[in-house]
Amino acid sequence: MSLRRRLTLSLCTILVLFSVNVGTHFWGSYARHESMLAYRSSVTAAQLSTDAAQMLENQRQQILVLSTLRATTGDQLDAAELARAEADINTIGNKLRELDALSSEVTRPQYQRLQEASDYLLASWLEFYRRYNDPAFSDDMDDPLPFVETLEHLRQLEQRQAFIAVQRASIIDRTIALTDRITVIGFITSIFLTAILGFFLLRYTNRSLKRLKRGTQRIGSGDLDYRIEGIEDRGELGELAAAFNDMSDKLGNAIEEVRTAKDAADEANAAKSRFLANVSHELRTPLNAIIGYSEMLHDELDDPGEVDRPQFQRDLEKIVRSGRQLLALINDILDLSKIETGKMALHCEHFTAADILGQVADAMAPLLRQRDNQLHLPADWSELPPLYSDATRFRQIFLNLLSNACKFTLGGDIYLSASVTGEGSSAWLDFRVRDTGIGMNEDQQGRIFNAFVQAENATSANYGGTGLGLAICREYCELMGGRISVSSAPGEGAEFRVEIPATAPESAPATA
């Protein structure tokens, strides 16, 4: 059971006991109130019965006196005396009717008998007063039976009400005593159960919290393989333990990711260091040629003899070629920097792929002769549609790919092929550059398109280069809306596949 359920159950139990205590308290208060009402009703009924009996007695004496005077003296009653007598009789009737309001179902038969007797008695008295001055009226006020019968019924009603009041008081007193006992028992039980629930809850919570504390100490000390177990709670404490275990897993994963990122950063730093070393070598080679040949030309001009103009021109060509090599290297670095900062823009124009590839093949002739390689081109380019893209970036892609294929192939063959997929504005051009060079394994294929990285660390020493060419090719292809991929095997050469849309994507930054 969860901690929340335990707390809820404990709270509900305490609330139930508290409600029982409150209910018994109000029950006792109600019983006391009813006892007080019964007592007041009994006292009021007794007082009314006494007053009514006294008034009946007084009126009986007065009527007997008037009956005697009427028989002996023949005196008449004036209107005021008659009105006062009727008022007295009405007062007696009102007193008796007030007893009706204080009667219950139990005393209803006694009151009805009293009402019948009193109505007859009061009606005979009222008739006596009203016909008192009538000489023909013969009264029988000397008959005590109606009066005695009325008083008897009045005493019976009074006794019945007193008996019922005593019974009610006894019942209510027992109820009050019972509620007091229930209240005391409920109060003691509440204290006892609260103490027991608090003890077990504290014991259970303390045990779970100790496990949590031990787990947090172990995890905090670096033992991320430790797991908090043995917590029976399926609610908050269990969730907290699961959260700590999950946090331990995530911390382990985060540490592993940090280590991986550190290794990647170290590798990137090492790659950048190698790149700087390669760049310094690539820069130093043409610069040494430029400086060396420039000094030779300077010395030759200082020579008083005749200048060997053909040799002078060849030396200048070497200087120009070294300068162009140096410029190409610097342009590659600047282009990659522009691509990474998002400042590279396409200069789109309409051009024919065959013309650009023919120019690239002509530019590759010296390097092909130097490496004793053969470049094989398609016999017919007519099926290729015209392109609307950046001709300079297109030329740079295939210049880099053919230079890369020629660099890693010695005395072999390099094949350039092209095909078309789709029609119209949705047409794509599929170019393949395949060589018979040294090839690559899968691990090397996954790295060659990264900037500053070459297939092997010894590649620069053996073949030269900075590791920027293929990275720039990938960035150019993606900028033009295309893609580049490679398939290769060690010793079997490599094939680079370039897929470019016939029309530059609208999302690419371009200037016409």
Protein backbone atom coordinates (compact mmCIF):
# COMPACT_ATOMS: atom_id res chain seq x y z
CA MET A 1 0.00 0.00 0.00
CA SER A 2 1.33 3.43 -0.91
CA LEU A 3 2.18 6.13 1.59
CA ARG A 4 -0.64 8.27 0.26
CA ARG A 5 -3.17 5.50 0.81
CA ARG A 6 -1.84 4.82 4.28
CA LEU A 7 -2.11 8.50 5.19
CA THR A 8 -5.57 8.70 3.61
CA LEU A 9 -6.76 5.61 5.48
CA SER A 10 -5.38 6.93 8.76
CA LEU A 11 -6.97 10.32 8.21
CA CYS A 12 -10.33 8.78 7.27
CA THR A 13 -10.25 6.58 10.38
CA ILE A 14 -9.53 9.55 12.62
CA LEU A 15 -12.23 11.58 10.87
CA VAL A 16 -14.77 8.76 11.35
CA LEU A 17 -13.96 8.54 15.04
CA PHE A 18 -14.12 12.29 15.32
CA SER A 19 -17.47 12.29 13.51
CA VAL A 20 -18.78 9.65 15.93
CA ASN A 21 -17.70 11.77 18.87
CA VAL A 22 -19.28 14.87 17.37
CA GLY A 23 -22.45 12.93 16.54
CA THR A 24 -22.78 11.54 20.06
CA HIS A 25 -22.15 15.01 21.45
CA PHE A 26 -24.95 16.49 19.36
CA TRP A 27 -27.14 13.52 20.20
CA GLY A 28 -26.56 14.17 23.90
CA SER A 29 -27.24 17.87 23.42
CA TYR A 30 -30.46 17.04 21.61
CA ALA A 31 -31.47 14.66 24.40
CA ARG A 32 -30.80 17.33 27.01
CA HIS A 33 -32.81 19.80 24.97
CA GLU A 34 -35.70 17.35 24.69
CA SER A 35 -35.49 16.70 28.43
CA MET A 36 -35.69 20.41 29.11
CA LEU A 37 -38.66 20.77 26.75
CA ALA A 38 -40.44 17.83 28.42
CA TYR A 39 -39.78 19.32 31.83
CA ARG A 40 -41.05 22.71 30.76
CA SER A 41 -44.12 21.16 29.16
CA SER A 42 -44.82 19.18 32.32
CA VAL A 43 -44.43 22.24 34.56
CA THR A 44 -46.59 24.35 32.24
CA ALA A 45 -49.28 21.67 32.04
CA ALA A 46 -49.30 21.30 35.83
CA GLN A 47 -49.60 25.05 36.28
CA LEU A 48 -52.40 25.25 33.72
CA SER A 49 -54.22 22.37 35.36
CA THR A 50 -53.94 24.03 38.78
CA ASP A 51 -55.10 27.38 37.43
CA ALA A 52 -57.97 25.77 35.52
CA ALA A 53 -59.07 23.80 38.61
CA GLN A 54 -58.95 26.94 40.75
CA MET A 55 -60.93 28.93 38.24
CA LEU A 56 -63.51 26.15 37.93
CA GLU A 57 -63.82 26.04 41.71
CA ASN A 58 -64.24 29.83 41.96
CA GLN A 59 -66.79 29.89 39.17
CA ARG A 60 -68.69 27.00 40.78
CA GLN A 61 -68.91 28.88 44.09
CA GLN A 62 -70.03 32.05 42.33
CA ILE A 63 -72.77 30.25 40.40
CA LEU A 64 -74.03 28.53 43.57
CA VAL A 65 -74.25 31.92 45.31
CA LEU A 66 -76.07 33.53 42.39
CA SER A 67 -78.44 30.55 42.14
CA THR A 68 -79.35 30.93 45.83
CA LEU A 69 -79.86 34.70 45.49
CA ARG A 70 -82.04 34.24 42.42
CA ALA A 71 -84.23 31.74 44.23
CA THR A 72 -84.60 33.82 47.41
CA THR A 73 -84.42 37.47 46.40
CA GLY A 74 -85.18 37.52 42.71
CA ASP A 75 -82.34 40.01 41.99
CA GLN A 76 -81.44 40.69 38.36
CA LEU A 77 -77.96 40.83 36.76
CA ASP A 78 -77.06 43.90 34.81
CA ALA A 79 -75.29 43.79 31.41
CA ALA A 80 -71.84 44.45 32.89
CA GLU A 81 -72.13 41.57 35.31
CA LEU A 82 -73.30 39.28 32.50
CA ALA A 83 -70.40 40.34 30.25
CA ARG A 84 -67.89 39.77 33.06
CA ALA A 85 -69.33 36.33 33.76
CA GLU A 86 -69.14 35.31 30.08
CA ALA A 87 -65.53 36.56 29.96
CA ASP A 88 -64.64 34.43 33.00
CA ILE A 89 -66.16 31.35 31.38
CA ASN A 90 -64.31 32.03 28.12
CA THR A 91 -61.06 32.39 30.10
CA ILE A 92 -61.65 28.99 31.66
CA GLY A 93 -62.29 27.53 28.18
CA ASN A 94 -59.07 29.07 26.85
CA LYS A 95 -57.09 27.61 29.74
CA LEU A 96 -58.47 24.17 29.00
CA ARG A 97 -57.70 24.55 25.27
CA GLU A 98 -54.09 25.47 26.13
CA LEU A 99 -53.81 22.04 27.66
CA ASP A 100 -54.58 20.65 24.19
CA ALA A 101 -51.38 22.23 22.81
CA LEU A 102 -49.39 20.52 25.57
CA SER A 103 -51.01 17.13 25.03
CA SER A 104 -49.43 14.30 23.08
CA GLU A 105 -50.82 11.25 21.33
CA VAL A 106 -50.58 9.36 24.59
CA THR A 107 -52.66 11.91 26.58
CA ARG A 108 -55.11 12.57 23.76
CA PRO A 109 -57.89 10.27 25.15
CA GLN A 110 -57.75 11.93 28.61
CA TYR A 111 -57.91 15.37 27.06
CA GLN A 112 -60.87 14.44 24.85
CA ARG A 113 -62.83 13.22 27.90
CA LEU A 114 -61.89 16.42 29.71
CA GLN A 115 -62.97 18.49 26.73
CA GLU A 116 -66.36 16.77 26.50
CA ALA A 117 -67.05 17.20 30.22
CA SER A 118 -65.78 20.79 30.32
CA ASP A 119 -67.74 21.79 27.21
CA TYR A 120 -70.95 20.49 28.80
CA LEU A 121 -70.18 22.18 32.13
CA LEU A 122 -69.19 25.55 30.64
CA ALA A 123 -72.16 25.48 28.25
CA SER A 124 -74.55 24.93 31.20
CA TRP A 125 -72.91 27.76 33.15
CA LEU A 126 -73.04 30.08 30.16
CA GLU A 127 -76.73 29.26 29.69
CA PHE A 128 -77.30 29.98 33.41
CA TYR A 129 -75.85 33.46 33.09
CA ARG A 130 -77.62 34.28 29.85
CA ARG A 131 -81.11 33.18 31.17
CA TYR A 132 -80.52 34.34 34.72
CA ASN A 133 -82.97 37.26 34.36
CA ASP A 134 -85.63 35.01 32.74
CA PRO A 135 -88.27 34.19 35.42
CA ALA A 136 -89.38 31.13 33.47
CA PHE A 137 -85.85 29.60 33.51
CA SER A 138 -85.43 26.77 35.97
CA ASP A 139 -81.78 26.03 36.79
CA ASP A 140 -80.34 22.91 38.26
CA MET A 141 -76.96 24.35 39.41
CA ASP A 142 -77.14 22.35 42.61
CA ASP A 143 -76.19 19.17 40.66
CA PRO A 144 -72.44 18.68 41.36
CA LEU A 145 -71.95 15.77 38.92
CA PRO A 146 -70.80 17.73 35.80
CA PHE A 147 -68.41 19.82 37.92
CA VAL A 148 -66.98 16.80 39.75
CA GLU A 149 -66.66 14.87 36.48
CA THR A 150 -64.74 17.77 34.86
CA LEU A 151 -62.35 18.09 37.82
CA GLU A 152 -61.77 14.34 37.81
CA HIS A 153 -60.89 14.33 34.11
CA LEU A 154 -58.60 17.34 34.71
CA ARG A 155 -56.76 15.50 37.51
CA GLN A 156 -56.45 12.38 35.36
CA LEU A 157 -54.94 14.42 32.51
CA GLU A 158 -52.55 16.08 34.93
CA GLN A 159 -51.48 12.76 36.40
CA ARG A 160 -51.02 11.24 32.93
CA GLN A 161 -48.89 14.16 31.78
CA ALA A 162 -46.78 13.97 34.93
CA PHE A 163 -46.27 10.22 34.43
CA ILE A 164 -45.26 10.70 30.78
CA ALA A 165 -42.91 13.52 31.77
CA VAL A 166 -41.23 11.27 34.30
CA GLN A 167 -40.90 8.47 31.73
CA ARG A 168 -39.45 10.84 29.15
CA ALA A 169 -37.04 12.28 31.66
CA SER A 170 -35.91 8.79 32.58
CA ILE A 171 -35.39 7.80 28.94
CA ILE A 172 -33.56 11.01 28.17
CA ASP A 173 -31.38 10.64 31.25
CA ARG A 174 -30.40 7.15 30.11
CA THR A 175 -29.72 8.51 26.61
CA ILE A 176 -27.53 11.26 28.04
CA ALA A 177 -25.60 8.75 30.12
CA LEU A 178 -25.17 6.51 27.06
CA THR A 179 -23.95 9.36 24.85
CA ASP A 180 -21.50 10.42 27.54
CA ARG A 181 -20.11 6.90 27.69
CA ILE A 182 -19.92 6.68 23.90
CA THR A 183 -18.13 10.04 23.76
CA VAL A 184 -15.58 8.98 26.34
CA ILE A 185 -15.04 5.58 24.69
CA GLY A 186 -14.78 7.20 21.24
CA PHE A 187 -12.30 9.76 22.55
CA ILE A 188 -10.12 7.10 24.18
CA THR A 189 -10.39 4.88 21.09
CA SER A 190 -9.43 7.80 18.85
CA ILE A 191 -6.34 8.47 20.92
CA PHE A 192 -5.41 4.78 20.95
CA LEU A 193 -5.94 4.23 17.21
CA THR A 194 -4.19 7.48 16.35
CA ALA A 195 -1.19 6.42 18.41
CA ILE A 196 -1.11 2.96 16.77
CA LEU A 197 -1.53 4.36 13.24
CA GLY A 198 1.12 6.99 13.92
CA PHE A 199 3.53 4.36 15.26
CA PHE A 200 3.16 1.99 12.30
CA LEU A 201 3.17 4.84 9.79
CA LEU A 202 6.30 6.31 11.32
CA ARG A 203 7.95 2.92 11.42
CA TYR A 204 7.08 2.17 7.80
CA THR A 205 8.10 5.62 6.58
CA ASN A 206 11.33 5.60 8.56
CA ARG A 207 12.33 2.22 7.07
CA SER A 208 11.62 3.39 3.52
CA LEU A 209 13.38 6.71 4.04
CA LYS A 210 16.47 4.91 5.36
CA ARG A 211 16.60 2.85 2.16
CA LEU A 212 16.19 6.02 0.13
CA LYS A 213 18.91 7.77 2.12
CA ARG A 214 21.31 4.84 1.70
CA GLY A 215 20.55 4.73 -2.02
CA THR A 216 21.12 8.46 -2.51
CA GLN A 217 24.41 8.21 -0.61
CA ARG A 218 25.57 5.31 -2.79
CA ILE A 219 24.47 7.01 -5.99
CA GLY A 220 25.89 10.34 -4.86
CA SER A 221 29.25 8.70 -4.12
CA GLY A 222 29.44 7.56 -7.76
CA ASP A 223 28.05 4.03 -7.51
CA LEU A 224 25.64 4.45 -10.41
CA ASP A 225 25.07 0.69 -10.66
CA TYR A 226 23.38 0.67 -7.23
CA ARG A 227 19.58 0.37 -7.25
CA ILE A 228 17.17 1.23 -4.46
CA GLU A 229 15.10 -1.86 -3.78
CA GLY A 230 12.98 -3.35 -1.01
CA ILE A 231 10.50 -0.47 -0.77
CA GLU A 232 7.01 -1.92 -0.45
CA ASP A 233 5.34 1.38 -1.17
CA ARG A 234 3.78 1.52 -4.63
CA GLY A 235 2.97 5.20 -4.38
CA GLU A 236 5.10 8.24 -3.62
CA LEU A 237 8.04 6.50 -1.95
CA GLY A 238 8.09 3.79 -4.61
CA GLU A 239 7.93 6.43 -7.32
CA LEU A 240 10.70 8.36 -5.58
CA ALA A 241 12.87 5.23 -5.48
CA ALA A 242 12.11 4.58 -9.16
CA ALA A 243 12.97 8.22 -9.91
CA PHE A 244 16.34 7.82 -8.15
CA ASN A 245 17.02 4.60 -10.07
CA ASP A 246 16.02 6.31 -13.31
CA MET A 247 18.22 9.27 -12.40
CA SER A 248 21.11 6.86 -11.83
CA ASP A 249 20.52 5.36 -15.28
CA LYS A 250 20.34 8.77 -16.87
CA LEU A 251 23.46 9.93 -15.03
CA GLY A 252 25.28 6.84 -16.26
CA ASN A 253 24.10 7.50 -19.79
CA ALA A 254 25.00 11.18 -19.49
CA ILE A 255 28.47 10.34 -18.22
CA GLU A 256 28.88 7.88 -21.06
CA GLU A 257 27.70 10.53 -23.51
CA VAL A 258 30.12 13.02 -21.99
CA ARG A 259 32.93 10.50 -22.34
CA THR A 260 31.89 9.83 -25.94
CA ALA A 261 31.68 13.56 -26.60
CA LYS A 262 35.10 14.03 -24.99
CA ASP A 263 36.53 11.27 -27.15
CA ALA A 264 34.89 12.85 -30.19
CA ALA A 265 36.24 16.27 -29.19
CA ASP A 266 39.69 14.82 -28.65
CA GLU A 267 39.46 13.11 -32.01
CA ALA A 268 38.25 16.33 -33.63
CA ASN A 269 41.06 18.23 -31.95
CA ALA A 270 43.54 15.65 -33.17
CA ALA A 271 42.01 15.85 -36.66
CA LYS A 272 42.30 19.63 -36.57
CA SER A 273 45.90 19.35 -35.45
CA ARG A 274 46.59 16.95 -38.31
CA PHE A 275 44.75 19.32 -40.63
CA LEU A 276 46.90 22.23 -39.50
CA ALA A 277 50.00 20.12 -39.99
CA ASN A 278 48.78 19.07 -43.45
CA VAL A 279 47.83 22.64 -44.35
CA SER A 280 51.19 23.93 -43.19
CA HIS A 281 52.83 21.30 -45.37
CA GLU A 282 50.56 22.09 -48.32
CA LEU A 283 51.22 25.80 -47.87
CA ARG A 284 54.94 25.40 -47.36
CA THR A 285 55.43 23.35 -50.54
CA PRO A 286 54.10 25.95 -53.05
CA LEU A 287 55.52 28.80 -51.02
CA ASN A 288 58.99 27.20 -51.04
CA ALA A 289 58.64 26.76 -54.80
CA ILE A 290 57.53 30.36 -55.26
CA ILE A 291 60.29 31.74 -53.04
CA GLY A 292 62.96 29.40 -54.45
CA TYR A 293 62.21 30.09 -58.10
CA SER A 294 61.79 33.81 -57.41
CA GLU A 295 65.28 33.91 -55.84
CA MET A 296 66.68 31.95 -58.77
CA LEU A 297 65.14 34.41 -61.22
CA HIS A 298 66.39 37.32 -59.17
CA ASP A 299 69.93 35.91 -59.22
CA GLU A 300 69.66 35.16 -62.91
CA LEU A 301 68.65 38.76 -63.63
CA ASP A 302 71.68 39.97 -61.67
CA ASP A 303 73.92 37.78 -63.86
CA PRO A 304 75.62 39.98 -66.52
CA GLY A 305 75.32 37.21 -69.06
CA GLU A 306 72.44 36.69 -71.45
CA VAL A 307 69.16 35.50 -69.93
CA ASP A 308 67.90 32.05 -70.94
CA ARG A 309 64.43 33.15 -71.83
CA PRO A 310 62.84 29.65 -72.34
CA GLN A 311 64.20 28.55 -68.95
CA PHE A 312 63.10 31.83 -67.44
CA GLN A 313 59.59 31.26 -68.76
CA ARG A 314 59.47 27.69 -67.42
CA ASP A 315 60.48 28.93 -63.97
CA LEU A 316 57.77 31.59 -64.09
CA GLU A 317 55.22 28.92 -65.01
CA LYS A 318 56.29 26.94 -61.97
CA ILE A 319 55.80 30.01 -59.82
CA VAL A 320 52.36 30.63 -61.32
CA ARG A 321 51.39 26.98 -60.86
CA SER A 322 52.50 27.01 -57.23
CA GLY A 323 50.60 30.26 -56.67
CA ARG A 324 47.46 28.76 -58.17
CA GLN A 325 47.90 25.65 -56.01
CA LEU A 326 48.23 27.89 -52.98
CA LEU A 327 45.19 29.93 -54.06
CA ALA A 328 43.10 26.77 -54.56
CA LEU A 329 43.99 25.59 -51.05
CA ILE A 330 43.05 28.94 -49.55
CA ASN A 331 39.81 29.00 -51.57
CA ASP A 332 38.89 25.55 -50.24
CA ILE A 333 39.37 26.71 -46.67
CA LEU A 334 37.38 29.90 -47.29
CA ASP A 335 34.57 28.01 -49.06
CA LEU A 336 34.23 25.55 -46.19
CA SER A 337 34.16 28.45 -43.73
CA LYS A 338 31.41 30.15 -45.75
CA ILE A 339 29.37 26.94 -45.89
CA GLU A 340 29.63 26.35 -42.14
CA THR A 341 28.59 29.96 -41.38
CA GLY A 342 25.70 29.82 -43.90
CA LYS A 343 27.13 32.57 -46.08
CA MET A 344 27.67 30.47 -49.18
CA ALA A 345 25.23 31.40 -51.99
CA LEU A 346 24.53 29.74 -55.32
CA HIS A 347 25.08 31.71 -58.51
CA CYS A 348 22.56 29.89 -60.70
CA GLU A 349 22.74 29.93 -64.47
CA HIS A 350 21.82 27.68 -67.37
CA PHE A 351 24.69 25.45 -68.51
CA THR A 352 25.38 22.07 -70.09
CA ALA A 353 26.94 19.42 -67.89
CA ALA A 354 28.89 17.95 -70.83
CA ASP A 355 30.74 21.24 -71.42
CA ILE A 356 31.73 21.61 -67.77
CA LEU A 357 32.83 17.97 -67.47
CA GLY A 358 34.86 18.31 -70.70
CA GLN A 359 36.67 21.30 -69.21
CA VAL A 360 37.33 19.36 -66.02
CA ALA A 361 38.71 16.42 -68.03
CA ASP A 362 41.08 18.78 -69.92
CA ALA A 363 42.25 20.30 -66.62
CA MET A 364 42.96 16.83 -65.24
CA ALA A 365 45.25 15.81 -68.17
CA PRO A 366 48.56 16.79 -66.49
CA LEU A 367 47.68 14.93 -63.26
CA LEU A 368 46.50 11.90 -65.24
CA ARG A 369 49.80 11.76 -67.12
CA GLN A 370 51.73 12.19 -63.89
CA ARG A 371 49.94 9.21 -62.28
CA ASP A 372 49.79 7.20 -65.53
CA ASN A 373 46.00 6.92 -65.35
CA GLN A 374 43.36 6.76 -68.08
CA LEU A 375 40.12 8.76 -67.86
CA HIS A 376 37.15 7.20 -69.65
CA LEU A 377 34.28 9.51 -70.58
CA PRO A 378 30.87 8.71 -72.11
CA ALA A 379 30.85 8.69 -75.89
CA ASP A 380 27.55 10.59 -76.05
CA TRP A 381 26.38 13.34 -73.64
CA SER A 382 23.33 14.29 -75.70
CA GLU A 383 20.80 12.69 -73.37
CA LEU A 384 21.77 15.00 -70.48
CA PRO A 385 19.33 17.91 -70.11
CA PRO A 386 20.59 21.43 -69.46
CA LEU A 387 21.08 22.37 -65.80
CA TYR A 388 20.01 25.48 -63.95
CA SER A 389 22.40 25.61 -61.01
CA ASP A 390 25.82 26.90 -59.97
CA ALA A 391 28.29 25.96 -62.72
CA THR A 392 31.32 26.89 -60.60
CA ARG A 393 30.28 24.62 -57.70
CA PHE A 394 29.38 21.88 -60.21
CA ARG A 395 32.87 22.13 -61.75
CA GLN A 396 34.51 22.12 -58.31
CA ILE A 397 32.65 18.94 -57.27
CA PHE A 398 33.91 16.87 -60.20
CA LEU A 399 37.36 18.48 -60.16
CA ASN A 400 37.72 17.35 -56.55
CA LEU A 401 36.29 13.87 -57.23
CA LEU A 402 38.53 13.25 -60.29
CA SER A 403 41.57 14.67 -58.47
CA ASN A 404 40.83 12.40 -55.51
CA ALA A 405 40.39 9.35 -57.80
CA CYS A 406 43.62 10.16 -59.64
CA LYS A 407 45.54 10.68 -56.39
CA PHE A 408 44.66 7.22 -55.05
CA THR A 409 45.05 5.42 -58.40
CA LEU A 410 48.40 4.66 -60.01
CA GLY A 411 48.55 3.23 -63.50
CA GLY A 412 44.80 2.50 -63.46
CA ASP A 413 41.52 3.60 -64.94
CA ILE A 414 39.03 6.26 -63.92
CA TYR A 415 35.49 6.16 -65.29
CA LEU A 416 33.03 9.06 -65.45
CA SER A 417 29.43 8.22 -66.40
CA ALA A 418 26.10 10.06 -66.33
CA SER A 419 22.39 9.21 -66.62
CA VAL A 420 19.03 10.92 -66.22
CA THR A 421 16.03 10.04 -64.07
CA GLY A 422 12.72 11.85 -64.29
CA GLU A 423 11.58 14.47 -66.78
CA GLY A 424 11.21 18.22 -66.97
CA SER A 425 11.55 20.20 -63.76
CA SER A 426 11.64 16.94 -61.71
CA ALA A 427 14.60 15.51 -63.65
CA TRP A 428 17.71 14.38 -61.76
CA LEU A 429 21.22 13.78 -63.12
CA ASP A 430 23.07 10.76 -61.76
CA PHE A 431 26.88 10.96 -62.11
CA ARG A 432 29.32 8.17 -61.22
CA VAL A 433 33.08 8.56 -60.70
CA ARG A 434 34.74 5.13 -60.39
CA ASP A 435 38.41 4.30 -60.06
CA THR A 436 40.58 1.19 -59.74
CA GLY A 437 42.63 2.55 -56.86
CA ILE A 438 43.34 1.38 -53.34
CA GLY A 439 39.69 1.44 -52.16
CA MET A 440 38.34 1.86 -48.60
CA ASN A 441 36.75 -0.18 -45.86
CA GLU A 442 33.37 0.68 -44.28
CA ASP A 443 34.92 2.58 -41.36
CA GLN A 444 36.92 4.75 -43.72
CA GLN A 445 33.86 5.39 -45.90
CA GLY A 446 32.04 6.76 -42.85
CA ARG A 447 34.74 9.39 -42.24
CA ILE A 448 35.84 10.66 -45.63
CA PHE A 449 33.07 13.29 -45.96
CA ASN A 450 33.96 14.93 -42.63
CA ALA A 451 35.96 18.13 -42.72
CA PHE A 452 39.66 17.95 -41.74
CA VAL A 453 39.46 14.12 -41.76
CA GLN A 454 41.03 11.66 -44.18
CA ALA A 455 40.46 7.93 -44.51
CA GLU A 456 43.71 7.21 -42.64
CA ASN A 457 46.08 9.39 -40.67
CA ALA A 458 48.95 8.35 -42.94
CA THR A 459 47.07 9.39 -46.11
CA SER A 460 48.42 12.95 -46.06
CA ALA A 461 51.97 11.75 -45.66
CA ASN A 462 51.65 9.22 -48.47
CA TYR A 463 49.35 11.03 -50.89
CA GLY A 464 49.15 14.64 -49.74
CA GLY A 465 46.02 16.72 -49.33
CA THR A 466 44.20 18.42 -46.45
CA GLY A 467 41.01 16.35 -46.14
CA LEU A 468 38.76 19.21 -47.34
CA GLY A 469 37.97 18.13 -50.89
CA LEU A 470 35.28 15.51 -50.21
CA ALA A 471 33.79 17.54 -47.36
CA ILE A 472 33.38 20.47 -49.76
CA CYS A 473 31.85 18.14 -52.37
CA ARG A 474 29.22 16.97 -49.88
CA GLU A 475 28.40 20.52 -48.80
CA TYR A 476 28.14 21.70 -52.42
CA CYS A 477 25.86 18.79 -53.33
CA GLU A 478 23.53 19.48 -50.40
CA LEU A 479 23.58 23.21 -51.15
CA MET A 480 22.50 22.45 -54.74
CA GLY A 481 19.70 20.17 -53.46
CA GLY A 482 21.50 16.93 -54.26
CA ARG A 483 23.43 14.23 -52.44
CA ILE A 484 26.66 12.28 -52.65
CA SER A 485 27.49 8.74 -51.58
CA VAL A 486 30.34 6.27 -51.88
CA SER A 487 30.72 2.50 -52.24
CA SER A 488 34.08 0.82 -52.07
CA ALA A 489 36.08 -2.17 -50.93
CA PRO A 490 39.79 -2.38 -50.06
CA GLY A 491 41.89 -3.06 -53.15
CA GLU A 492 38.91 -2.77 -55.51
CA GLY A 493 38.74 0.97 -55.99
CA ALA A 494 35.88 3.30 -55.10
CA GLU A 495 32.77 4.66 -56.78
CA PHE A 496 31.36 8.08 -55.88
CA ARG A 497 27.76 8.77 -56.86
CA VAL A 498 26.55 12.36 -57.26
CA GLU A 499 22.81 13.05 -57.70
CA ILE A 500 21.86 16.63 -58.60
CA PRO A 501 18.44 18.03 -59.61
CA ALA A 502 18.23 19.68 -62.99
CA THR A 503 16.86 22.82 -61.29
CA ALA A 504 18.28 24.32 -58.10
CA PRO A 505 15.92 24.07 -55.08
CA GLU A 506 13.94 27.19 -54.24
CA SER A 507 15.01 27.00 -50.60
CA ALA A 508 18.72 27.27 -51.50
CA PRO A 509 20.24 30.77 -51.28
CA ALA A 510 20.92 31.76 -54.84
CA THR A 511 21.77 34.72 -56.99
CA ALA A 512 21.07 34.73 -60.69
